[in-house]
Protein backbone atom coordinates (compact mmCIF):
# COMPACT_ATOMS: atom_id res chain seq x y z
CA UNK A 1 127.21 143.12 155.12
CA UNK A 2 124.29 144.04 157.38
CA UNK A 3 123.97 142.83 161.00
CA UNK A 4 122.78 139.25 161.55
CA UNK A 5 119.04 138.81 162.03
CA UNK A 6 117.09 136.10 163.81
CA UNK A 7 114.94 135.14 160.81
CA UNK A 8 115.42 135.74 157.10
CA UNK A 9 112.37 135.17 154.89
CA UNK A 10 112.88 135.00 151.13
CA UNK A 11 109.72 135.96 149.24
CA UNK A 12 106.87 138.32 150.20
CA UNK A 13 104.00 136.47 148.55
CA UNK A 14 101.20 134.37 150.05
CA UNK A 15 103.32 132.07 152.22
CA UNK A 16 106.08 134.57 153.07
CA UNK A 17 103.56 137.12 154.28
CA UNK A 18 101.77 134.59 156.50
CA UNK A 19 105.12 133.47 157.93
CA UNK A 20 106.23 137.04 158.60
CA UNK A 21 102.99 137.90 160.38
CA UNK A 22 102.98 134.75 162.51
CA UNK A 23 106.55 135.31 163.68
CA UNK A 24 106.18 139.06 164.12
CA UNK A 25 104.60 138.80 167.56
CA UNK A 26 107.90 137.49 168.95
CA UNK A 27 110.75 139.71 170.03
CA UNK A 28 112.83 138.76 166.99
CA UNK A 29 114.65 140.66 164.29
CA UNK A 30 113.00 139.54 161.05
CA UNK A 31 113.95 140.59 157.52
CA UNK A 32 112.12 139.62 154.33
CA UNK A 33 113.80 139.96 150.94
CA UNK A 34 111.48 140.44 147.94
CA UNK A 35 112.71 140.88 144.37
CA UNK A 36 109.60 142.83 143.37
CA UNK A 37 108.24 146.14 144.61
CA UNK A 38 105.18 147.47 146.41
CA UNK A 39 102.24 147.87 144.05
CA UNK A 40 100.09 151.00 144.04
CA UNK A 41 96.37 150.13 143.86
CA UNK A 42 95.68 153.53 142.31
CA UNK A 43 97.62 152.35 139.26
CA UNK A 44 95.86 149.00 138.79
CA UNK A 45 94.39 148.55 135.29
CA UNK A 46 90.84 148.42 136.64
CA UNK A 47 91.12 152.14 137.47
CA UNK A 48 91.49 152.88 133.74
CA UNK A 49 89.07 152.77 130.82
CA UNK A 50 91.26 150.45 128.75
CA UNK A 51 91.86 148.02 131.60
CA UNK A 52 91.57 144.89 129.44
CA UNK A 53 94.49 145.91 127.24
CA UNK A 54 96.94 145.57 130.15
CA UNK A 55 96.48 141.79 130.06
CA UNK A 56 98.71 141.76 127.03
CA UNK A 57 101.72 143.55 128.52
CA UNK A 58 102.72 144.61 132.05
CA UNK A 59 99.87 142.67 133.68
CA UNK A 60 100.20 139.55 131.56
CA UNK A 61 100.32 136.40 133.68
CA UNK A 62 103.63 135.23 132.18
CA UNK A 63 106.91 136.82 133.27
CA UNK A 64 108.28 135.97 129.83
CA UNK A 65 105.75 138.38 128.32
CA UNK A 66 105.81 141.08 131.03
CA UNK A 67 109.61 141.28 131.21
CA UNK A 68 109.47 143.68 134.15
CA UNK A 69 112.61 144.48 136.11
CA UNK A 70 111.21 142.37 138.96
CA UNK A 71 110.68 139.31 136.74
CA UNK A 72 113.04 136.49 135.94
CA UNK A 73 112.72 134.47 132.71
CA UNK A 74 111.41 130.91 132.80
CA UNK A 75 112.16 128.44 130.04
CA UNK A 76 108.82 126.61 129.79
CA UNK A 77 109.18 125.62 126.13
CA UNK A 78 109.13 121.94 127.16
CA UNK A 79 105.68 122.24 128.72
CA UNK A 80 102.19 122.57 127.22
CA UNK A 81 101.38 124.83 130.19
CA UNK A 82 103.19 128.17 130.54
CA UNK A 83 104.27 129.23 134.02
CA UNK A 84 102.30 132.13 135.48
CA UNK A 85 103.47 134.17 138.45
CA UNK A 86 103.92 137.73 139.67
CA UNK A 87 106.82 139.21 141.63
CA UNK A 88 105.84 141.95 144.07
CA UNK A 89 104.92 142.50 147.70
CA UNK A 90 101.90 140.21 147.69
CA UNK A 91 103.32 137.99 144.96
CA UNK A 92 100.83 136.20 142.76
CA UNK A 93 97.96 137.11 145.11
CA UNK A 94 98.00 140.51 143.38
CA UNK A 95 96.76 138.83 140.19
CA UNK A 96 94.93 135.75 141.48
CA UNK A 97 91.16 135.47 141.27
CA UNK A 98 90.68 134.85 145.00
CA UNK A 99 89.11 131.40 144.53
CA UNK A 100 89.94 129.90 147.94
CA UNK A 101 88.80 126.31 148.61
CA UNK A 102 90.62 124.01 151.00
CA UNK A 103 92.05 120.58 150.32
CA UNK A 104 89.76 117.69 151.24
CA UNK A 105 90.73 115.24 154.02
CA UNK A 106 91.22 112.59 151.31
CA UNK A 107 93.90 114.70 149.61
CA UNK A 108 96.32 113.95 152.43
CA UNK A 109 95.83 110.16 152.15
CA UNK A 110 95.89 109.28 148.45
CA UNK A 111 98.33 106.38 148.88
CA UNK A 112 96.18 104.77 151.55
CA UNK A 113 92.94 105.43 149.71
CA UNK A 114 93.89 105.00 146.05
CA UNK A 115 97.34 103.40 145.99
CA UNK A 116 99.01 106.32 144.18
CA UNK A 117 101.69 108.90 145.04
CA UNK A 118 102.34 109.19 148.81
CA UNK A 119 100.40 110.10 151.92
CA UNK A 120 101.26 113.43 153.49
CA UNK A 121 103.03 113.19 156.88
CA UNK A 122 100.18 115.28 158.32
CA UNK A 123 96.42 115.22 157.86
CA UNK A 124 93.50 117.62 157.49
CA UNK A 125 92.79 117.66 161.23
CA UNK A 126 96.30 118.88 162.02
CA UNK A 127 95.99 121.66 159.48
CA UNK A 128 92.39 122.61 160.25
CA UNK A 129 93.16 125.18 163.01
CA UNK A 130 95.49 126.96 160.61
CA UNK A 131 92.93 126.87 157.80
CA UNK A 132 90.55 128.56 160.25
CA UNK A 133 93.12 131.16 161.33
CA UNK A 134 94.04 131.93 157.73
CA UNK A 135 90.37 132.31 156.74
CA UNK A 136 89.88 134.78 159.58
CA UNK A 137 93.01 136.80 158.76
CA UNK A 138 92.20 136.78 155.05
CA UNK A 139 88.48 137.45 155.27
CA UNK A 140 87.15 134.47 153.34
CA UNK A 141 83.54 134.66 152.16
CA UNK A 142 81.30 131.69 151.54
CA UNK A 143 78.44 129.62 152.92
CA UNK A 144 78.58 127.07 155.71
CA UNK A 145 77.21 123.56 155.41
CA UNK A 146 79.00 122.34 152.27
CA UNK A 147 78.64 118.52 152.27
CA UNK A 148 81.96 118.17 150.42
CA UNK A 149 83.88 119.29 153.52
CA UNK A 150 83.99 118.92 157.28
CA UNK A 151 82.31 121.92 158.98
CA UNK A 152 83.94 125.24 158.03
CA UNK A 153 83.34 128.46 159.97
CA UNK A 154 82.53 131.30 157.58
CA UNK A 155 83.52 134.88 158.40
CA UNK A 156 82.02 136.71 155.41
CA UNK A 157 78.74 136.34 153.50
CA UNK A 158 79.13 134.63 150.13
CA UNK A 159 79.70 136.60 146.93
CA UNK A 160 76.29 137.14 145.24
CA UNK A 161 75.66 134.45 142.62
CA UNK A 162 73.94 136.73 140.14
CA UNK A 163 71.95 135.44 137.17
CA UNK A 164 75.02 133.50 136.05
CA UNK A 165 75.28 131.56 139.30
CA UNK A 166 71.56 130.89 139.49
CA UNK A 167 71.56 129.63 135.91
CA UNK A 168 74.43 127.22 136.51
CA UNK A 169 73.01 126.15 139.87
CA UNK A 170 69.81 125.14 138.07
CA UNK A 171 71.88 123.17 135.58
CA UNK A 172 73.67 121.25 138.33
CA UNK A 173 70.35 120.66 140.08
CA UNK A 174 68.83 119.14 136.93
CA UNK A 175 71.66 116.60 136.85
CA UNK A 176 71.63 116.01 140.59
CA UNK A 177 75.26 117.10 140.93
CA UNK A 178 76.94 118.80 143.87
CA UNK A 179 77.48 122.56 143.71
CA UNK A 180 78.21 125.23 146.30
CA UNK A 181 78.96 128.97 146.42
CA UNK A 182 82.69 129.54 146.05
CA UNK A 183 84.98 130.00 149.01
CA UNK A 184 86.45 133.37 148.08
CA UNK A 185 89.32 135.48 149.41
CA UNK A 186 87.12 138.52 148.79
CA UNK A 187 85.35 140.46 151.53
CA UNK A 188 81.65 141.29 151.32
CA UNK A 189 81.66 143.57 154.37
CA UNK A 190 84.24 146.16 155.32
CA UNK A 191 87.03 145.08 157.68
CA UNK A 192 90.35 146.64 158.71
CA UNK A 193 89.72 149.70 156.56
CA UNK A 194 89.28 147.63 153.41
CA UNK A 195 86.34 148.31 151.12
CA UNK A 196 83.91 145.50 150.37
CA UNK A 197 83.52 143.98 146.93
CA UNK A 198 81.53 146.17 144.53
CA UNK A 199 81.41 143.64 141.66
CA UNK A 200 83.84 145.63 139.56
CA UNK A 201 84.98 142.47 137.80
CA UNK A 202 88.66 142.60 136.74
CA UNK A 203 90.00 141.06 139.96
CA UNK A 204 92.84 139.34 138.13
CA UNK A 205 94.79 142.57 137.61
CA UNK A 206 94.70 143.87 141.16
CA UNK A 207 91.81 145.15 143.28
CA UNK A 208 91.96 148.92 143.94
CA UNK A 209 89.03 148.55 146.33
CA UNK A 210 91.09 146.34 148.65
CA UNK A 211 88.25 143.81 148.69
CA UNK A 212 90.33 141.01 147.22
CA UNK A 213 92.48 139.58 149.97
CA UNK A 214 95.92 139.85 148.43
CA UNK A 215 98.47 139.58 151.21
CA UNK A 216 99.71 143.15 150.74
CA UNK A 217 96.42 144.25 152.35
CA UNK A 218 95.92 141.38 154.82
CA UNK A 219 99.08 140.04 156.44
CA UNK A 220 101.74 142.59 155.49
CA UNK A 221 100.34 145.75 157.12
CA UNK A 222 100.24 143.99 160.50
CA UNK A 223 103.63 142.32 160.09
CA UNK A 224 105.23 145.66 159.21
CA UNK A 225 103.54 147.37 162.15
CA UNK A 226 104.96 144.64 164.37
CA UNK A 227 108.49 145.45 163.22
CA UNK A 228 109.26 143.10 160.33
CA UNK A 229 111.68 144.72 157.88
CA UNK A 230 110.70 144.24 154.24
CA UNK A 231 113.36 144.97 151.62
CA UNK A 232 112.05 145.22 148.08
CA UNK A 233 114.00 144.98 144.81
CA UNK A 234 116.24 142.46 146.58
CA UNK A 235 116.87 139.40 144.41
CA UNK A 236 118.46 136.46 146.24
CA UNK A 237 121.16 134.58 144.35
CA UNK A 238 121.97 131.86 146.87
CA UNK A 239 121.66 130.73 150.45
CA UNK A 240 125.00 130.43 152.22
CA UNK A 241 126.10 127.64 154.59
CA UNK A 242 128.98 127.11 157.00
CA UNK A 243 131.29 124.10 157.33
CA UNK A 244 128.77 122.45 159.67
CA UNK A 245 126.07 122.48 156.99
CA UNK A 246 123.96 125.16 158.65
CA UNK A 247 122.40 128.02 156.70
CA UNK A 248 124.06 131.32 157.53
CA UNK A 249 122.03 133.72 155.41
CA UNK A 250 121.82 134.79 151.78
CA UNK A 251 123.62 136.66 149.04
CA UNK A 252 121.36 139.03 147.14
CA UNK A 253 121.40 141.93 144.68
CA UNK A 254 119.81 145.23 145.68
CA UNK A 255 118.05 147.73 143.41
CA UNK A 256 121.42 149.13 142.25
CA UNK A 257 122.65 145.66 141.28
CA UNK A 258 125.10 145.62 144.17
CA UNK A 259 125.92 142.28 145.77
CA UNK A 260 124.84 142.19 149.42
CA UNK A 261 125.06 139.65 152.23
CA UNK A 262 122.41 139.12 154.89
CA UNK A 263 123.35 136.86 157.79
CA UNK A 264 120.59 135.02 159.68
CA UNK A 265 120.08 132.37 162.35
CA UNK A 266 117.06 130.86 160.58
CA UNK A 267 116.27 130.98 156.85
CA UNK A 268 112.73 130.52 155.52
CA UNK A 269 112.12 130.08 151.79
CA UNK A 270 108.79 131.22 150.33
CA UNK A 271 109.50 131.43 146.59
CA UNK A 272 106.86 129.08 145.03
CA UNK A 273 107.22 125.72 143.29
CA UNK A 274 109.52 127.09 140.58
CA UNK A 275 111.41 129.81 142.44
CA UNK A 276 112.25 127.64 145.45
CA UNK A 277 113.97 124.80 143.54
CA UNK A 278 115.72 127.41 141.41
CA UNK A 279 117.18 129.02 144.54
CA UNK A 280 118.16 125.70 146.13
CA UNK A 281 119.79 124.39 142.94
CA UNK A 282 121.71 127.65 142.58
CA UNK A 283 122.94 127.38 146.18
CA UNK A 284 125.79 124.97 145.54
CA UNK A 285 128.75 124.42 147.89
CA UNK A 286 131.32 121.78 148.82
CA UNK A 287 128.83 120.23 151.22
CA UNK A 288 125.97 120.49 148.74
CA UNK A 289 127.45 120.13 145.23
CA UNK A 290 124.05 119.27 143.72
CA UNK A 291 122.20 122.13 145.36
CA UNK A 292 121.26 122.99 148.91
CA UNK A 293 119.05 120.52 150.82
CA UNK A 294 119.26 118.14 147.86
CA UNK A 295 120.91 114.99 149.21
CA UNK A 296 117.73 113.12 148.26
CA UNK A 297 118.08 114.35 144.67
CA UNK A 298 114.42 115.43 144.74
CA UNK A 299 114.79 119.21 144.68
CA UNK A 300 112.96 120.29 141.54
CA UNK A 301 111.33 116.88 140.97
CA UNK A 302 107.59 116.03 141.04
CA UNK A 303 106.36 119.34 139.62
CA UNK A 304 102.56 119.54 139.59
CA UNK A 305 100.71 122.28 137.65
CA UNK A 306 96.96 121.44 137.65
CA UNK A 307 96.20 121.12 133.93
CA UNK A 308 93.19 123.37 133.34
CA UNK A 309 90.32 122.55 131.03
CA UNK A 310 87.98 125.28 129.78
CA UNK A 311 84.32 124.97 128.87
CA UNK A 312 82.20 127.88 127.69
CA UNK A 313 78.48 128.14 127.17
CA UNK A 314 76.60 130.85 125.26
CA UNK A 315 73.03 131.62 126.37
CA UNK A 316 70.15 133.50 124.75
CA UNK A 317 69.27 135.28 127.98
CA UNK A 318 71.21 138.33 129.16
CA UNK A 319 73.00 137.10 132.29
CA UNK A 320 75.25 140.10 133.01
CA UNK A 321 77.90 137.42 133.20
CA UNK A 322 80.75 139.90 132.80
CA UNK A 323 79.86 141.55 136.13
CA UNK A 324 81.34 140.28 139.38
CA UNK A 325 84.56 138.63 140.59
CA UNK A 326 85.89 136.70 137.62
CA UNK A 327 86.88 133.45 139.35
CA UNK A 328 84.41 133.40 142.23
CA UNK A 329 80.81 132.31 141.80
CA UNK A 330 80.03 128.63 142.40
CA UNK A 331 81.98 125.39 142.26
CA UNK A 332 81.13 121.71 141.91
CA UNK A 333 83.06 118.82 143.42
CA UNK A 334 80.77 116.12 142.10
CA UNK A 335 83.76 114.39 140.51
CA UNK A 336 86.40 115.15 143.15
CA UNK A 337 86.89 111.73 144.73
CA UNK A 338 88.08 108.56 142.99
CA UNK A 339 85.51 106.44 141.17
CA UNK A 340 87.05 103.41 139.45
CA UNK A 341 84.31 103.40 136.79
CA UNK A 342 85.70 106.63 135.32
CA UNK A 343 89.01 105.04 134.34
CA UNK A 344 91.28 107.36 136.35
CA UNK A 345 92.18 107.99 139.99
CA UNK A 346 91.42 111.11 142.00
CA UNK A 347 89.35 113.92 140.50
CA UNK A 348 88.71 117.57 139.75
CA UNK A 349 86.77 120.70 140.64
CA UNK A 350 84.44 122.53 138.28
CA UNK A 351 84.95 126.26 138.88
CA UNK A 352 82.36 128.56 137.33
CA UNK A 353 83.89 131.70 135.80
CA UNK A 354 82.28 135.01 134.94
CA UNK A 355 82.17 136.00 131.30
CA UNK A 356 84.84 138.16 129.62
CA UNK A 357 84.79 141.92 129.22
CA UNK A 358 83.96 143.73 125.97
CA UNK A 359 87.45 143.73 124.44
CA UNK A 360 88.05 140.03 125.09
CA UNK A 361 84.53 139.24 123.89
CA UNK A 362 85.19 141.03 120.60
CA UNK A 363 88.70 139.68 119.99
CA UNK A 364 87.90 136.08 120.90
CA UNK A 365 84.74 136.29 118.80
CA UNK A 366 86.78 137.45 115.82
CA UNK A 367 89.31 134.66 116.27
CA UNK A 368 86.55 132.06 116.44
CA UNK A 369 84.72 133.69 113.50
CA UNK A 370 81.64 134.16 115.67
CA UNK A 371 81.87 137.96 115.41
CA UNK A 372 82.68 139.67 112.11
CA UNK A 373 83.71 143.16 111.09
CA UNK A 374 80.87 144.75 109.14
CA UNK A 375 77.14 145.35 109.34
CA UNK A 376 76.51 142.35 111.59
CA UNK A 377 79.25 143.26 114.09
CA UNK A 378 77.15 144.92 116.79
CA UNK A 379 74.38 142.34 116.64
CA UNK A 380 76.86 139.48 116.89
CA UNK A 381 78.76 141.26 119.68
CA UNK A 382 75.55 141.80 121.66
CA UNK A 383 74.75 138.10 121.36
CA UNK A 384 77.97 137.32 123.28
CA UNK A 385 78.71 140.05 125.84
CA UNK A 386 77.10 139.22 129.17
CA UNK A 387 75.65 135.98 127.76
CA UNK A 388 78.61 133.61 128.11
CA UNK A 389 79.61 131.52 131.11
CA UNK A 390 83.04 129.95 131.55
CA UNK A 391 84.08 126.91 133.54
CA UNK A 392 87.52 125.86 134.68
CA UNK A 393 88.22 122.16 135.12
CA UNK A 394 90.94 121.99 137.82
CA UNK A 395 92.55 118.61 137.23
CA UNK A 396 94.49 116.97 140.06
CA UNK A 397 98.06 116.35 138.98
CA UNK A 398 99.85 113.33 140.43
CA UNK A 399 103.58 113.72 141.22
CA UNK A 400 105.97 112.31 138.62
CA UNK A 401 109.75 112.78 138.72
CA UNK A 402 110.02 113.47 134.97
CA UNK A 403 107.99 116.63 135.58
CA UNK A 404 110.61 118.90 137.06
CA UNK A 405 112.41 122.20 137.40
CA UNK A 406 116.12 122.37 136.54
CA UNK A 407 118.55 125.21 135.82
CA UNK A 408 118.75 126.41 132.26
CA UNK A 409 122.33 126.12 130.97
CA UNK A 410 122.16 129.41 129.04
CA UNK A 411 119.23 131.61 130.12
CA UNK A 412 119.80 134.02 133.02
CA UNK A 413 118.04 136.94 134.68
CA UNK A 414 119.38 140.49 134.59
CA UNK A 415 121.72 139.73 137.52
CA UNK A 416 123.23 136.74 135.74
CA UNK A 417 121.50 134.15 137.93
CA UNK A 418 120.62 130.96 135.99
CA UNK A 419 116.93 130.82 135.09
CA UNK A 420 114.66 127.84 135.79
CA UNK A 421 113.82 125.37 133.04
CA UNK A 422 110.49 123.54 133.27
CA UNK A 423 110.01 120.04 131.86
CA UNK A 424 106.41 118.89 132.03
CA UNK A 425 104.04 116.50 130.26
CA UNK A 426 100.53 115.37 131.10
CA UNK A 427 100.22 111.83 132.41
CA UNK A 428 97.69 109.41 130.95
CA UNK A 429 95.72 109.76 134.18
CA UNK A 430 95.60 113.56 133.81
CA UNK A 431 94.60 113.29 130.15
CA UNK A 432 91.71 110.94 130.98
CA UNK A 433 90.60 113.18 133.85
CA UNK A 434 90.75 116.28 131.66
CA UNK A 435 88.69 114.65 128.90
CA UNK A 436 86.11 113.52 131.46
CA UNK A 437 85.89 117.02 132.96
CA UNK A 438 85.46 118.68 129.60
CA UNK A 439 82.68 116.27 128.67
CA UNK A 440 80.87 116.77 131.97
CA UNK A 441 81.33 120.52 131.68
CA UNK A 442 79.52 120.56 128.36
CA UNK A 443 76.80 118.36 129.86
CA UNK A 444 76.04 120.78 132.68
CA UNK A 445 76.24 123.84 130.39
CA UNK A 446 73.58 122.28 128.17
CA UNK A 447 71.49 121.34 131.20
CA UNK A 448 71.69 125.00 132.27
CA UNK A 449 70.35 126.09 128.87
CA UNK A 450 73.44 126.91 126.81
CA UNK A 451 72.64 127.11 123.11
CA UNK A 452 76.26 126.75 122.09
CA UNK A 453 79.30 125.31 123.84
CA UNK A 454 83.00 124.96 123.26
CA UNK A 455 85.68 123.08 125.19
CA UNK A 456 89.46 122.75 125.11
CA UNK A 457 92.43 122.00 127.33
CA UNK A 458 94.94 122.12 128.71
CA UNK A 459 94.82 125.90 128.56
CA UNK A 460 98.25 127.36 127.82
CA UNK A 461 98.75 130.36 130.13
CA UNK A 462 97.39 128.82 133.32
CA UNK A 463 100.46 127.57 135.20
CA UNK A 464 99.65 129.42 138.44
CA UNK A 465 99.60 126.37 140.70
CA UNK A 466 103.26 125.49 141.21
CA UNK A 467 103.58 122.51 143.54
CA UNK A 468 105.66 119.58 144.66
CA UNK A 469 109.29 120.43 143.87
CA UNK A 470 110.60 120.23 147.47
CA UNK A 471 108.44 117.40 148.75
CA UNK A 472 107.45 116.98 152.40
CA UNK A 473 107.90 113.56 154.02
CA UNK A 474 109.24 111.52 156.92
CA UNK A 475 111.96 109.71 154.94
CA UNK A 476 115.03 111.88 154.12
CA UNK A 477 115.74 109.61 151.14
CA UNK A 478 112.32 110.28 149.63
CA UNK A 479 111.63 113.92 150.54
CA UNK A 480 113.27 117.32 150.96
CA UNK A 481 111.64 118.59 154.18
CA UNK A 482 109.95 116.94 157.15
CA UNK A 483 106.35 117.46 158.28
CA UNK A 484 107.35 120.79 159.85
CA UNK A 485 108.78 122.18 156.60
CA UNK A 486 112.27 121.74 158.05
CA UNK A 487 115.00 120.59 155.65
CA UNK A 488 116.24 117.08 156.38
CA UNK A 489 119.74 118.23 155.43
CA UNK A 490 119.93 121.74 156.92
CA UNK A 491 118.43 122.01 160.39
CA UNK A 492 117.85 125.78 160.38
CA UNK A 493 116.35 125.95 156.88
CA UNK A 494 112.57 125.89 156.39
CA UNK A 495 110.32 125.98 153.31
CA UNK A 496 106.75 127.25 153.65
CA UNK A 497 105.45 127.49 150.07
CA UNK A 498 103.61 125.01 147.81
CA UNK A 499 106.85 123.38 146.66
CA UNK A 500 106.53 121.14 149.75
CA UNK A 501 103.15 119.72 148.63
CA UNK A 502 103.14 115.91 148.45
CA UNK A 503 100.11 115.84 146.14
CA UNK A 504 98.19 118.62 144.41
CA UNK A 505 94.54 118.01 145.25
CA UNK A 506 91.93 119.20 142.76
CA UNK A 507 91.57 122.75 144.07
CA UNK A 508 93.50 126.02 144.00
CA UNK A 509 96.41 125.71 146.45
CA UNK A 510 96.48 129.22 148.03
CA UNK A 511 94.41 128.37 151.11
CA UNK A 512 96.42 125.22 151.84
CA UNK A 513 99.86 126.77 151.28
CA UNK A 514 99.05 129.64 153.64
CA UNK A 515 97.69 127.25 156.27
CA UNK A 516 100.93 125.26 155.94
CA UNK A 517 102.99 128.42 156.39
CA UNK A 518 101.12 129.22 159.62
CA UNK A 519 101.45 125.60 160.76
CA UNK A 520 105.21 125.52 160.11
CA UNK A 521 105.95 128.89 161.69
CA UNK A 522 103.81 127.93 164.69
CA UNK A 523 106.15 124.95 165.12
CA UNK A 524 109.16 127.28 164.91
CA UNK A 525 107.62 129.50 167.60
CA UNK A 526 106.98 126.56 169.94
CA UNK A 527 110.43 125.05 169.41
CA UNK A 528 112.60 128.12 168.86
CA UNK A 529 114.72 127.46 171.96
CA UNK A 530 115.70 124.01 170.62
CA UNK A 531 116.68 125.05 167.10
CA UNK A 532 120.30 124.59 166.07
CA UNK A 533 121.62 127.89 164.70
CA UNK A 534 125.05 128.92 163.41
């Protein structure tokens, strides 16, 4: 057993890193346990000629395919969407595309506005200062003046649109639809010793340039300099409690597989919308026989995944579409807010994606029988590479209790800890929204000049956005944590990741979950003298 610390953070990804940094300016002993390791940018696939091939093995988005020592298995056989995550210092920000929009003000008030789900116990205005702080710490690029949002201060010039962006912008203009350069967690000028974006392209397998703002290059260097202790290859089995129902620390396995105990006065969970309920459900005791902080019975319930639709257009003109940050170009929120005439509530974002690299172009072309082996191969290949534009339809998921995370009765990780089981189906509302988005995606591709289009969804390996399984709310009977991320049941336990989301919005959650982490830890800082500790 190691000496007791003031704060124990579990998880070194997007929210854990923000929490560690925010608390590191205090004179506190802080330890963070992370089951993954530090990544070495010099070893990222994009430093190698065959970089695309790594998507199929150690840099695959699914832990069930990667099967690294740092991964744990996830039974997602009862879901049309496979769970995607990455376990390392930096978490899934190592592999994310850096697309970084905020929630809209309406996303916090869907019950009041549309009569569905629940309102959040906080609003956009309360979170806005922490959005701003996170943008500054991260180095978010973009363009001010977006009519879809309240005013947003921009710290970095927007990623260049390129021919691809200009082409799609013209298509949106023809239809009179909203579009705007993406808000991107990618720097376009050098800061803090990080190199600016050089349009290398394969951002989704790590950025050796340091331009993509994964938290291993933003928050963690400062937190470590300020004295936070980060222990890697440390997989937490359970959070411990005393007979008063207070969290006392955690039991974890180190790199040698040895069982260790870390005592703490405050415990902060930052394990994502699947990992957090898994940990809480595994933390059973006499006081919490159904899992820690689960007297409401809602731990693991209301899983939201953002079903993703995909639309692709092929153009005659060479667009160099395979050059530039894959997920960051322009976005449209023309269909973001509820319109009763569409037959569903809430809405979605259209996210323009760069085209695939040469290997993916060839293999997908072969599978679709658009590219053949033989005399026509090179001509057919040239008609695709750099001439295709992708679009992601990010569908807002509404919370439903039958979409959940439970513990698998048989599957375990290498330490014998029960693995999570995901049960998920698309609601009728999500299906209608997805169909609408796919149809509108084709419409704008054709308006932009696409000669051929395809559409499908939901896309299988896109379960990055893991939300809602430890809901925030004022009522202890209908939520897991309060508006400060503080467990209703355990007064010194906090959750700072996207599991506490009440609703999912129609945008990538990274910006909002990090703003929430800063907001919650700011509350801890202001009220630390009043916290009940063991």
